[in-house]
Amino acid sequence: MSITIAEPSVEERIRRHVDSGRFADEVQVVAEALDAMDLVERRRVEHDAKVEELRALIAEGDEDFERGDFVPWTPTLMSEILAEAIEANRRGEPIDDHVKP
């Protein structure tokens, strides 16, 4: 395959990378740029999945709240949760196992 870069500024950027000595040739510059683009796309897909997961959890929380299925926050509750987390950590147990639904 042969690719012609018709944009002088892009060609100059590629040439600067080769001239820096970090890359053997133009193909290596373009290959690394494509690898970076692939990484960005994978991270975008992961981000979008996390956003969707959070939206679903928020919707679930909203539904729980509408049904009255929640525990009101109080300083005492927070102290109890913190004490449980500290104790679980002391025992080397995952904290998630101690979160009460």
PDB file of N, CA and C in Angstrom:
ATOM      1  N   MET A   1       0.850  -1.166   0.000  1.00  0.00           N
ATOM      2  CA  MET A   1       0.000   0.000   0.000  1.00  0.00           C
ATOM      3  C   MET A   1       0.899   1.233   0.000  1.00  0.00           C
ATOM      4  N   SER A   2       0.466   2.203  -0.715  1.00  0.00           N
ATOM      5  CA  SER A   2       1.198   3.462  -0.760  1.00  0.00           C
ATOM      6  C   SER A   2       0.238   4.580  -0.397  1.00  0.00           C
ATOM      7  N   ILE A   3       0.675   5.467   0.510  1.00  0.00           N
ATOM      8  CA  ILE A   3      -0.165   6.566   0.946  1.00  0.00           C
ATOM      9  C   ILE A   3       0.557   7.874   0.652  1.00  0.00           C
ATOM     10  N   THR A   4      -0.169   8.806   0.062  1.00  0.00           N
ATOM     11  CA  THR A   4       0.380  10.119  -0.207  1.00  0.00           C
ATOM     12  C   THR A   4      -0.220  11.103   0.780  1.00  0.00           C
ATOM     13  N   ILE A   5       0.639  11.859   1.440  1.00  0.00           N
ATOM     14  CA  ILE A   5       0.182  12.884   2.375  1.00  0.00           C
ATOM     15  C   ILE A   5       0.142  14.195   1.596  1.00  0.00           C
ATOM     16  N   ALA A   6      -1.051  14.688   1.329  1.00  0.00           N
ATOM     17  CA  ALA A   6      -1.209  15.899   0.535  1.00  0.00           C
ATOM     18  C   ALA A   6      -1.170  17.162   1.380  1.00  0.00           C
ATOM     19  N   GLU A   7      -1.232  17.009   2.683  1.00  0.00           N
ATOM     20  CA  GLU A   7      -1.238  18.162   3.584  1.00  0.00           C
ATOM     21  C   GLU A   7       0.192  18.416   4.065  1.00  0.00           C
ATOM     22  N   PRO A   8       0.799  19.533   3.658  1.00  0.00           N
ATOM     23  CA  PRO A   8       2.192  19.793   4.038  1.00  0.00           C
ATOM     24  C   PRO A   8       2.437  19.820   5.544  1.00  0.00           C
ATOM     25  N   SER A   9       1.507  20.313   6.327  1.00  0.00           N
ATOM     26  CA  SER A   9       1.729  20.386   7.775  1.00  0.00           C
ATOM     27  C   SER A   9       1.777  18.983   8.396  1.00  0.00           C
ATOM     28  N   VAL A  10       0.976  18.060   7.882  1.00  0.00           N
ATOM     29  CA  VAL A  10       0.988  16.682   8.387  1.00  0.00           C
ATOM     30  C   VAL A  10       2.289  16.002   7.975  1.00  0.00           C
ATOM     31  N   GLU A  11       2.681  16.217   6.736  1.00  0.00           N
ATOM     32  CA  GLU A  11       3.937  15.637   6.254  1.00  0.00           C
ATOM     33  C   GLU A  11       5.111  16.165   7.086  1.00  0.00           C
ATOM     34  N   GLU A  12       5.101  17.444   7.418  1.00  0.00           N
ATOM     35  CA  GLU A  12       6.164  18.032   8.232  1.00  0.00           C
ATOM     36  C   GLU A  12       6.192  17.427   9.632  1.00  0.00           C
ATOM     37  N   ARG A  13       5.024  17.214  10.208  1.00  0.00           N
ATOM     38  CA  ARG A  13       4.964  16.601  11.547  1.00  0.00           C
ATOM     39  C   ARG A  13       5.557  15.200  11.525  1.00  0.00           C
ATOM     40  N   ILE A  14       5.229  14.435  10.515  1.00  0.00           N
ATOM     41  CA  ILE A  14       5.781  13.080  10.391  1.00  0.00           C
ATOM     42  C   ILE A  14       7.294  13.164  10.222  1.00  0.00           C
ATOM     43  N   ARG A  15       7.763  14.076   9.365  1.00  0.00           N
ATOM     44  CA  ARG A  15       9.198  14.218   9.116  1.00  0.00           C
ATOM     45  C   ARG A  15       9.929  14.608  10.405  1.00  0.00           C
ATOM     46  N   ARG A  16       9.345  15.512  11.212  1.00  0.00           N
ATOM     47  CA  ARG A  16       9.981  15.909  12.471  1.00  0.00           C
ATOM     48  C   ARG A  16      10.151  14.713  13.406  1.00  0.00           C
ATOM     49  N   HIS A  17       9.146  13.834  13.432  1.00  0.00           N
ATOM     50  CA  HIS A  17       9.244  12.644  14.288  1.00  0.00           C
ATOM     51  C   HIS A  17      10.350  11.713  13.810  1.00  0.00           C
ATOM     52  N   VAL A  18      10.454  11.529  12.514  1.00  0.00           N
ATOM     53  CA  VAL A  18      11.524  10.679  11.981  1.00  0.00           C
ATOM     54  C   VAL A  18      12.879  11.328  12.265  1.00  0.00           C
ATOM     55  N   ASP A  19      12.972  12.649  12.027  1.00  0.00           N
ATOM     56  CA  ASP A  19      14.236  13.363  12.238  1.00  0.00           C
ATOM     57  C   ASP A  19      14.660  13.376  13.710  1.00  0.00           C
ATOM     58  N   SER A  20      13.704  13.189  14.624  1.00  0.00           N
ATOM     59  CA  SER A  20      14.047  13.175  16.043  1.00  0.00           C
ATOM     60  C   SER A  20      14.895  11.957  16.403  1.00  0.00           C
ATOM     61  N   GLY A  21      14.876  10.951  15.542  1.00  0.00           N
ATOM     62  CA  GLY A  21      15.644   9.741  15.797  1.00  0.00           C
ATOM     63  C   GLY A  21      14.872   8.679  16.569  1.00  0.00           C
ATOM     64  N   ARG A  22      13.698   9.038  17.029  1.00  0.00           N
ATOM     65  CA  ARG A  22      12.903   8.075  17.790  1.00  0.00           C
ATOM     66  C   ARG A  22      12.287   7.009  16.882  1.00  0.00           C
ATOM     67  N   PHE A  23      12.031   7.367  15.653  1.00  0.00           N
ATOM     68  CA  PHE A  23      11.389   6.465  14.706  1.00  0.00           C
ATOM     69  C   PHE A  23      12.331   6.205  13.530  1.00  0.00           C
ATOM     70  N   ALA A  24      12.312   4.988  13.042  1.00  0.00           N
ATOM     71  CA  ALA A  24      13.187   4.609  11.931  1.00  0.00           C
ATOM     72  C   ALA A  24      12.726   5.217  10.613  1.00  0.00           C
ATOM     73  N   ASP A  25      11.404   5.306  10.451  1.00  0.00           N
ATOM     74  CA  ASP A  25      10.874   5.821   9.182  1.00  0.00           C
ATOM     75  C   ASP A  25       9.430   6.288   9.356  1.00  0.00           C
ATOM     76  N   GLU A  26       8.862   6.769   8.265  1.00  0.00           N
ATOM     77  CA  GLU A  26       7.506   7.298   8.281  1.00  0.00           C
ATOM     78  C   GLU A  26       6.476   6.235   8.665  1.00  0.00           C
ATOM     79  N   VAL A  27       6.715   5.005   8.233  1.00  0.00           N
ATOM     80  CA  VAL A  27       5.787   3.916   8.531  1.00  0.00           C
ATOM     81  C   VAL A  27       5.701   3.700  10.041  1.00  0.00           C
ATOM     82  N   GLN A  28       6.828   3.763  10.710  1.00  0.00           N
ATOM     83  CA  GLN A  28       6.836   3.577  12.158  1.00  0.00           C
ATOM     84  C   GLN A  28       6.073   4.717  12.856  1.00  0.00           C
ATOM     85  N   VAL A  29       6.219   5.941  12.362  1.00  0.00           N
ATOM     86  CA  VAL A  29       5.488   7.076  12.943  1.00  0.00           C
ATOM     87  C   VAL A  29       3.990   6.855  12.791  1.00  0.00           C
ATOM     88  N   VAL A  30       3.561   6.511  11.594  1.00  0.00           N
ATOM     89  CA  VAL A  30       2.136   6.313  11.339  1.00  0.00           C
ATOM     90  C   VAL A  30       1.605   5.124  12.134  1.00  0.00           C
ATOM     91  N   ALA A  31       2.389   4.048  12.231  1.00  0.00           N
ATOM     92  CA  ALA A  31       1.953   2.866  12.989  1.00  0.00           C
ATOM     93  C   ALA A  31       1.739   3.224  14.457  1.00  0.00           C
ATOM     94  N   GLU A  32       2.657   3.997  15.049  1.00  0.00           N
ATOM     95  CA  GLU A  32       2.492   4.374  16.449  1.00  0.00           C
ATOM     96  C   GLU A  32       1.302   5.316  16.628  1.00  0.00           C
ATOM     97  N   ALA A  33       1.108   6.204  15.665  1.00  0.00           N
ATOM     98  CA  ALA A  33      -0.056   7.097  15.728  1.00  0.00           C
ATOM     99  C   ALA A  33      -1.352   6.294  15.676  1.00  0.00           C
ATOM    100  N   LEU A  34      -1.384   5.272  14.836  1.00  0.00           N
ATOM    101  CA  LEU A  34      -2.571   4.415  14.756  1.00  0.00           C
ATOM    102  C   LEU A  34      -2.769   3.632  16.045  1.00  0.00           C
ATOM    103  N   ASP A  35      -1.679   3.162  16.646  1.00  0.00           N
ATOM    104  CA  ASP A  35      -1.780   2.467  17.937  1.00  0.00           C
ATOM    105  C   ASP A  35      -2.381   3.402  18.986  1.00  0.00           C
ATOM    106  N   ALA A  36      -1.939   4.656  18.983  1.00  0.00           N
ATOM    107  CA  ALA A  36      -2.484   5.632  19.934  1.00  0.00           C
ATOM    108  C   ALA A  36      -3.964   5.874  19.678  1.00  0.00           C
ATOM    109  N   MET A  37      -4.349   5.948  18.424  1.00  0.00           N
ATOM    110  CA  MET A  37      -5.769   6.121  18.093  1.00  0.00           C
ATOM    111  C   MET A  37      -6.588   4.920  18.564  1.00  0.00           C
ATOM    112  N   ASP A  38      -6.037   3.724  18.390  1.00  0.00           N
ATOM    113  CA  ASP A  38      -6.735   2.523  18.846  1.00  0.00           C
ATOM    114  C   ASP A  38      -6.912   2.541  20.364  1.00  0.00           C
ATOM    115  N   LEU A  39      -5.875   2.970  21.078  1.00  0.00           N
ATOM    116  CA  LEU A  39      -5.952   3.061  22.531  1.00  0.00           C
ATOM    117  C   LEU A  39      -7.021   4.060  22.957  1.00  0.00           C
ATOM    118  N   VAL A  40      -7.046   5.214  22.311  1.00  0.00           N
ATOM    119  CA  VAL A  40      -8.058   6.227  22.623  1.00  0.00           C
ATOM    120  C   VAL A  40      -9.453   5.657  22.376  1.00  0.00           C
ATOM    121  N   GLU A  41      -9.631   4.935  21.294  1.00  0.00           N
ATOM    122  CA  GLU A  41     -10.945   4.370  20.986  1.00  0.00           C
ATOM    123  C   GLU A  41     -11.350   3.319  22.019  1.00  0.00           C
ATOM    124  N   ARG A  42     -10.396   2.457  22.429  1.00  0.00           N
ATOM    125  CA  ARG A  42     -10.712   1.464  23.468  1.00  0.00           C
ATOM    126  C   ARG A  42     -11.129   2.165  24.762  1.00  0.00           C
ATOM    127  N   ARG A  43     -10.408   3.202  25.115  1.00  0.00           N
ATOM    128  CA  ARG A  43     -10.750   3.935  26.341  1.00  0.00           C
ATOM    129  C   ARG A  43     -12.098   4.626  26.209  1.00  0.00           C
ATOM    130  N   ARG A  44     -12.416   5.118  25.027  1.00  0.00           N
ATOM    131  CA  ARG A  44     -13.718   5.747  24.805  1.00  0.00           C
ATOM    132  C   ARG A  44     -14.836   4.725  24.973  1.00  0.00           C
ATOM    133  N   VAL A  45     -14.643   3.537  24.440  1.00  0.00           N
ATOM    134  CA  VAL A  45     -15.642   2.467  24.569  1.00  0.00           C
ATOM    135  C   VAL A  45     -15.801   2.087  26.040  1.00  0.00           C
ATOM    136  N   GLU A  46     -14.668   1.953  26.758  1.00  0.00           N
ATOM    137  CA  GLU A  46     -14.738   1.633  28.191  1.00  0.00           C
ATOM    138  C   GLU A  46     -15.450   2.745  28.963  1.00  0.00           C
ATOM    139  N   HIS A  47     -15.135   3.983  28.631  1.00  0.00           N
ATOM    140  CA  HIS A  47     -15.774   5.122  29.295  1.00  0.00           C
ATOM    141  C   HIS A  47     -17.280   5.105  29.051  1.00  0.00           C
ATOM    142  N   ASP A  48     -17.665   4.912  27.791  1.00  0.00           N
ATOM    143  CA  ASP A  48     -19.096   4.889  27.459  1.00  0.00           C
ATOM    144  C   ASP A  48     -19.814   3.772  28.212  1.00  0.00           C
ATOM    145  N   ALA A  49     -19.160   2.616  28.337  1.00  0.00           N
ATOM    146  CA  ALA A  49     -19.768   1.504  29.072  1.00  0.00           C
ATOM    147  C   ALA A  49     -19.933   1.866  30.542  1.00  0.00           C
ATOM    148  N   LYS A  50     -18.929   2.520  31.125  1.00  0.00           N
ATOM    149  CA  LYS A  50     -19.027   2.929  32.524  1.00  0.00           C
ATOM    150  C   LYS A  50     -20.136   3.966  32.716  1.00  0.00           C
ATOM    151  N   VAL A  51     -20.255   4.887  31.782  1.00  0.00           N
ATOM    152  CA  VAL A  51     -21.312   5.894  31.876  1.00  0.00           C
ATOM    153  C   VAL A  51     -22.681   5.209  31.830  1.00  0.00           C
ATOM    154  N   GLU A  52     -22.838   4.257  30.940  1.00  0.00           N
ATOM    155  CA  GLU A  52     -24.113   3.541  30.853  1.00  0.00           C
ATOM    156  C   GLU A  52     -24.400   2.767  32.135  1.00  0.00           C
ATOM    157  N   GLU A  53     -23.361   2.152  32.702  1.00  0.00           N
ATOM    158  CA  GLU A  53     -23.527   1.422  33.959  1.00  0.00           C
ATOM    159  C   GLU A  53     -23.961   2.380  35.070  1.00  0.00           C
ATOM    160  N   LEU A  54     -23.314   3.541  35.120  1.00  0.00           N
ATOM    161  CA  LEU A  54     -23.690   4.534  36.138  1.00  0.00           C
ATOM    162  C   LEU A  54     -25.121   5.027  35.942  1.00  0.00           C
ATOM    163  N   ARG A  55     -25.510   5.244  34.697  1.00  0.00           N
ATOM    164  CA  ARG A  55     -26.887   5.680  34.422  1.00  0.00           C
ATOM    165  C   ARG A  55     -27.889   4.626  34.899  1.00  0.00           C
ATOM    166  N   ALA A  56     -27.563   3.357  34.659  1.00  0.00           N
ATOM    167  CA  ALA A  56     -28.453   2.282  35.103  1.00  0.00           C
ATOM    168  C   ALA A  56     -28.526   2.240  36.629  1.00  0.00           C
ATOM    169  N   LEU A  57     -27.387   2.422  37.300  1.00  0.00           N
ATOM    170  CA  LEU A  57     -27.386   2.431  38.763  1.00  0.00           C
ATOM    171  C   LEU A  57     -28.161   3.625  39.320  1.00  0.00           C
ATOM    172  N   ILE A  58     -28.024   4.766  38.660  1.00  0.00           N
ATOM    173  CA  ILE A  58     -28.786   5.943  39.097  1.00  0.00           C
ATOM    174  C   ILE A  58     -30.279   5.698  38.922  1.00  0.00           C
ATOM    175  N   ALA A  59     -30.658   5.125  37.788  1.00  0.00           N
ATOM    176  CA  ALA A  59     -32.074   4.819  37.556  1.00  0.00           C
ATOM    177  C   ALA A  59     -32.589   3.844  38.608  1.00  0.00           C
ATOM    178  N   GLU A  60     -31.771   2.846  38.943  1.00  0.00           N
ATOM    179  CA  GLU A  60     -32.150   1.879  39.976  1.00  0.00           C
ATOM    180  C   GLU A  60     -32.322   2.580  41.321  1.00  0.00           C
ATOM    181  N   GLY A  61     -31.397   3.480  41.635  1.00  0.00           N
ATOM    182  CA  GLY A  61     -31.503   4.236  42.885  1.00  0.00           C
ATOM    183  C   GLY A  61     -32.731   5.124  42.911  1.00  0.00           C
ATOM    184  N   ASP A  62     -33.031   5.744  41.780  1.00  0.00           N
ATOM    185  CA  ASP A  62     -34.234   6.576  41.694  1.00  0.00           C
ATOM    186  C   ASP A  62     -35.496   5.740  41.925  1.00  0.00           C
ATOM    187  N   GLU A  63     -35.511   4.544  41.340  1.00  0.00           N
ATOM    188  CA  GLU A  63     -36.666   3.662  41.527  1.00  0.00           C
ATOM    189  C   GLU A  63     -36.788   3.240  42.991  1.00  0.00           C
ATOM    190  N   ASP A  64     -35.656   2.895  43.602  1.00  0.00           N
ATOM    191  CA  ASP A  64     -35.669   2.538  45.029  1.00  0.00           C
ATOM    192  C   ASP A  64     -36.203   3.705  45.856  1.00  0.00           C
ATOM    193  N   PHE A  65     -35.743   4.888  45.555  1.00  0.00           N
ATOM    194  CA  PHE A  65     -36.173   6.063  46.310  1.00  0.00           C
ATOM    195  C   PHE A  65     -37.676   6.293  46.149  1.00  0.00           C
ATOM    196  N   GLU A  66     -38.152   6.169  44.929  1.00  0.00           N
ATOM    197  CA  GLU A  66     -39.588   6.360  44.676  1.00  0.00           C
ATOM    198  C   GLU A  66     -40.432   5.354  45.455  1.00  0.00           C
ATOM    199  N   ARG A  67     -39.923   4.137  45.633  1.00  0.00           N
ATOM    200  CA  ARG A  67     -40.640   3.112  46.398  1.00  0.00           C
ATOM    201  C   ARG A  67     -40.448   3.287  47.901  1.00  0.00           C
ATOM    202  N   GLY A  68     -39.573   4.201  48.290  1.00  0.00           N
ATOM    203  CA  GLY A  68     -39.292   4.374  49.703  1.00  0.00           C
ATOM    204  C   GLY A  68     -38.300   3.347  50.237  1.00  0.00           C
ATOM    205  N   ASP A  69     -37.609   2.681  49.328  1.00  0.00           N
ATOM    206  CA  ASP A  69     -36.666   1.624  49.699  1.00  0.00           C
ATOM    207  C   ASP A  69     -35.269   2.224  49.845  1.00  0.00           C
ATOM    208  N   PHE A  70     -35.035   2.890  50.961  1.00  0.00           N
ATOM    209  CA  PHE A  70     -33.732   3.492  51.217  1.00  0.00           C
ATOM    210  C   PHE A  70     -33.559   3.695  52.713  1.00  0.00           C
ATOM    211  N   VAL A  71     -32.330   3.953  53.108  1.00  0.00           N
ATOM    212  CA  VAL A  71     -32.021   4.221  54.508  1.00  0.00           C
ATOM    213  C   VAL A  71     -31.568   5.672  54.586  1.00  0.00           C
ATOM    214  N   PRO A  72     -32.227   6.484  55.372  1.00  0.00           N
ATOM    215  CA  PRO A  72     -31.817   7.886  55.475  1.00  0.00           C
ATOM    216  C   PRO A  72     -30.406   8.004  56.058  1.00  0.00           C
ATOM    217  N   TRP A  73     -29.644   8.911  55.523  1.00  0.00           N
ATOM    218  CA  TRP A  73     -28.292   9.147  56.014  1.00  0.00           C
ATOM    219  C   TRP A  73     -28.356   9.891  57.335  1.00  0.00           C
ATOM    220  N   THR A  74     -27.577   9.434  58.282  1.00  0.00           N
ATOM    221  CA  THR A  74     -27.429  10.132  59.558  1.00  0.00           C
ATOM    222  C   THR A  74     -25.966  10.053  59.947  1.00  0.00           C
ATOM    223  N   PRO A  75     -25.505  10.950  60.780  1.00  0.00           N
ATOM    224  CA  PRO A  75     -24.120  10.850  61.244  1.00  0.00           C
ATOM    225  C   PRO A  75     -23.846   9.513  61.938  1.00  0.00           C
ATOM    226  N   THR A  76     -24.825   8.999  62.659  1.00  0.00           N
ATOM    227  CA  THR A  76     -24.654   7.711  63.343  1.00  0.00           C
ATOM    228  C   THR A  76     -24.460   6.590  62.324  1.00  0.00           C
ATOM    229  N   LEU A  77     -25.283   6.586  61.271  1.00  0.00           N
ATOM    230  CA  LEU A  77     -25.146   5.569  60.225  1.00  0.00           C
ATOM    231  C   LEU A  77     -23.762   5.655  59.596  1.00  0.00           C
ATOM    232  N   MET A  78     -23.309   6.861  59.310  1.00  0.00           N
ATOM    233  CA  MET A  78     -21.994   7.023  58.705  1.00  0.00           C
ATOM    234  C   MET A  78     -20.904   6.487  59.626  1.00  0.00           C
ATOM    235  N   SER A  79     -21.019   6.745  60.900  1.00  0.00           N
ATOM    236  CA  SER A  79     -20.041   6.230  61.874  1.00  0.00           C
ATOM    237  C   SER A  79     -20.045   4.708  61.893  1.00  0.00           C
ATOM    238  N   GLU A  80     -21.235   4.107  61.836  1.00  0.00           N
ATOM    239  CA  GLU A  80     -21.332   2.646  61.828  1.00  0.00           C
ATOM    240  C   GLU A  80     -20.697   2.064  60.572  1.00  0.00           C
ATOM    241  N   ILE A  81     -20.969   2.676  59.442  1.00  0.00           N
ATOM    242  CA  ILE A  81     -20.399   2.184  58.180  1.00  0.00           C
ATOM    243  C   ILE A  81     -18.882   2.297  58.223  1.00  0.00           C
ATOM    244  N   LEU A  82     -18.389   3.433  58.710  1.00  0.00           N
ATOM    245  CA  LEU A  82     -16.948   3.632  58.798  1.00  0.00           C
ATOM    246  C   LEU A  82     -16.314   2.609  59.736  1.00  0.00           C
ATOM    247  N   ALA A  83     -16.934   2.360  60.872  1.00  0.00           N
ATOM    248  CA  ALA A  83     -16.402   1.385  61.829  1.00  0.00           C
ATOM    249  C   ALA A  83     -16.362  -0.008  61.203  1.00  0.00           C
ATOM    250  N   GLU A  84     -17.416  -0.383  60.467  1.00  0.00           N
ATOM    251  CA  GLU A  84     -17.434  -1.686  59.792  1.00  0.00           C
ATOM    252  C   GLU A  84     -16.326  -1.774  58.750  1.00  0.00           C
ATOM    253  N   ALA A  85     -16.124  -0.697  58.008  1.00  0.00           N
ATOM    254  CA  ALA A  85     -15.094  -0.694  56.970  1.00  0.00           C
ATOM    255  C   ALA A  85     -13.708  -0.816  57.594  1.00  0.00           C
ATOM    256  N   ILE A  86     -13.474  -0.097  58.667  1.00  0.00           N
ATOM    257  CA  ILE A  86     -12.179  -0.166  59.350  1.00  0.00           C
ATOM    258  C   ILE A  86     -11.930  -1.579  59.876  1.00  0.00           C
ATOM    259  N   GLU A  87     -12.934  -2.165  60.481  1.00  0.00           N
ATOM    260  CA  GLU A  87     -12.796  -3.519  61.019  1.00  0.00           C
ATOM    261  C   GLU A  87     -12.561  -4.537  59.894  1.00  0.00           C
ATOM    262  N   ALA A  88     -13.307  -4.402  58.788  1.00  0.00           N
ATOM    263  CA  ALA A  88     -13.116  -5.317  57.658  1.00  0.00           C
ATOM    264  C   ALA A  88     -11.709  -5.166  57.095  1.00  0.00           C
ATOM    265  N   ASN A  89     -11.240  -3.940  56.999  1.00  0.00           N
ATOM    266  CA  ASN A  89      -9.890  -3.695  56.502  1.00  0.00           C
ATOM    267  C   ASN A  89      -8.855  -4.308  57.449  1.00  0.00           C
ATOM    268  N   ARG A  90      -9.076  -4.169  58.729  1.00  0.00           N
ATOM    269  CA  ARG A  90      -8.167  -4.741  59.725  1.00  0.00           C
ATOM    270  C   ARG A  90      -8.060  -6.252  59.547  1.00  0.00           C
ATOM    271  N   ARG A  91      -9.194  -6.884  59.240  1.00  0.00           N
ATOM    272  CA  ARG A  91      -9.207  -8.335  59.048  1.00  0.00           C
ATOM    273  C   ARG A  91      -8.767  -8.734  57.634  1.00  0.00           C
ATOM    274  N   GLY A  92      -8.527  -7.734  56.783  1.00  0.00           N
ATOM    275  CA  GLY A  92      -8.099  -8.023  55.415  1.00  0.00           C
ATOM    276  C   GLY A  92      -9.232  -8.481  54.516  1.00  0.00           C
ATOM    277  N   GLU A  93     -10.458  -8.169  54.899  1.00  0.00           N
ATOM    278  CA  GLU A  93     -11.618  -8.578  54.109  1.00  0.00           C
ATOM    279  C   GLU A  93     -12.024  -7.451  53.166  1.00  0.00           C
ATOM    280  N   PRO A  94     -12.608  -7.813  52.029  1.00  0.00           N
ATOM    281  CA  PRO A  94     -13.123  -6.778  51.133  1.00  0.00           C
ATOM    282  C   PRO A  94     -14.235  -5.993  51.810  1.00  0.00           C
ATOM    283  N   ILE A  95     -14.199  -4.703  51.680  1.00  0.00           N
ATOM    284  CA  ILE A  95     -15.203  -3.846  52.317  1.00  0.00           C
ATOM    285  C   ILE A  95     -16.575  -4.080  51.694  1.00  0.00           C
ATOM    286  N   ASP A  96     -16.633  -4.369  50.405  1.00  0.00           N
ATOM    287  CA  ASP A  96     -17.921  -4.562  49.722  1.00  0.00           C
ATOM    288  C   ASP A  96     -18.769  -5.647  50.382  1.00  0.00           C
ATOM    289  N   ASP A  97     -18.110  -6.631  50.975  1.00  0.00           N
ATOM    290  CA  ASP A  97     -18.853  -7.728  51.626  1.00  0.00           C
ATOM    291  C   ASP A  97     -19.639  -7.236  52.843  1.00  0.00           C
ATOM    292  N   HIS A  98     -19.305  -6.070  53.346  1.00  0.00           N
ATOM    293  CA  HIS A  98     -19.910  -5.575  54.561  1.00  0.00           C
ATOM    294  C   HIS A  98     -20.913  -4.446  54.321  1.00  0.00           C
ATOM    295  N   VAL A  99     -21.098  -4.087  53.069  1.00  0.00           N
ATOM    296  CA  VAL A  99     -22.074  -3.048  52.760  1.00  0.00           C
ATOM    297  C   VAL A  99     -23.442  -3.676  52.803  1.00  0.00           C
ATOM    298  N   LYS A 100     -24.316  -3.088  53.592  1.00  0.00           N
ATOM    299  CA  LYS A 100     -25.666  -3.643  53.740  1.00  0.00           C
ATOM    300  C   LYS A 100     -26.590  -3.019  52.705  1.00  0.00           C
ATOM    301  N   PRO A 101     -27.278  -3.848  51.925  1.00  0.00           N
ATOM    302  CA  PRO A 101     -28.178  -3.304  50.904  1.00  0.00           C
ATOM    303  C   PRO A 101     -29.379  -2.615  51.532  1.00  0.00           C
TER     304      PRO A 101
END
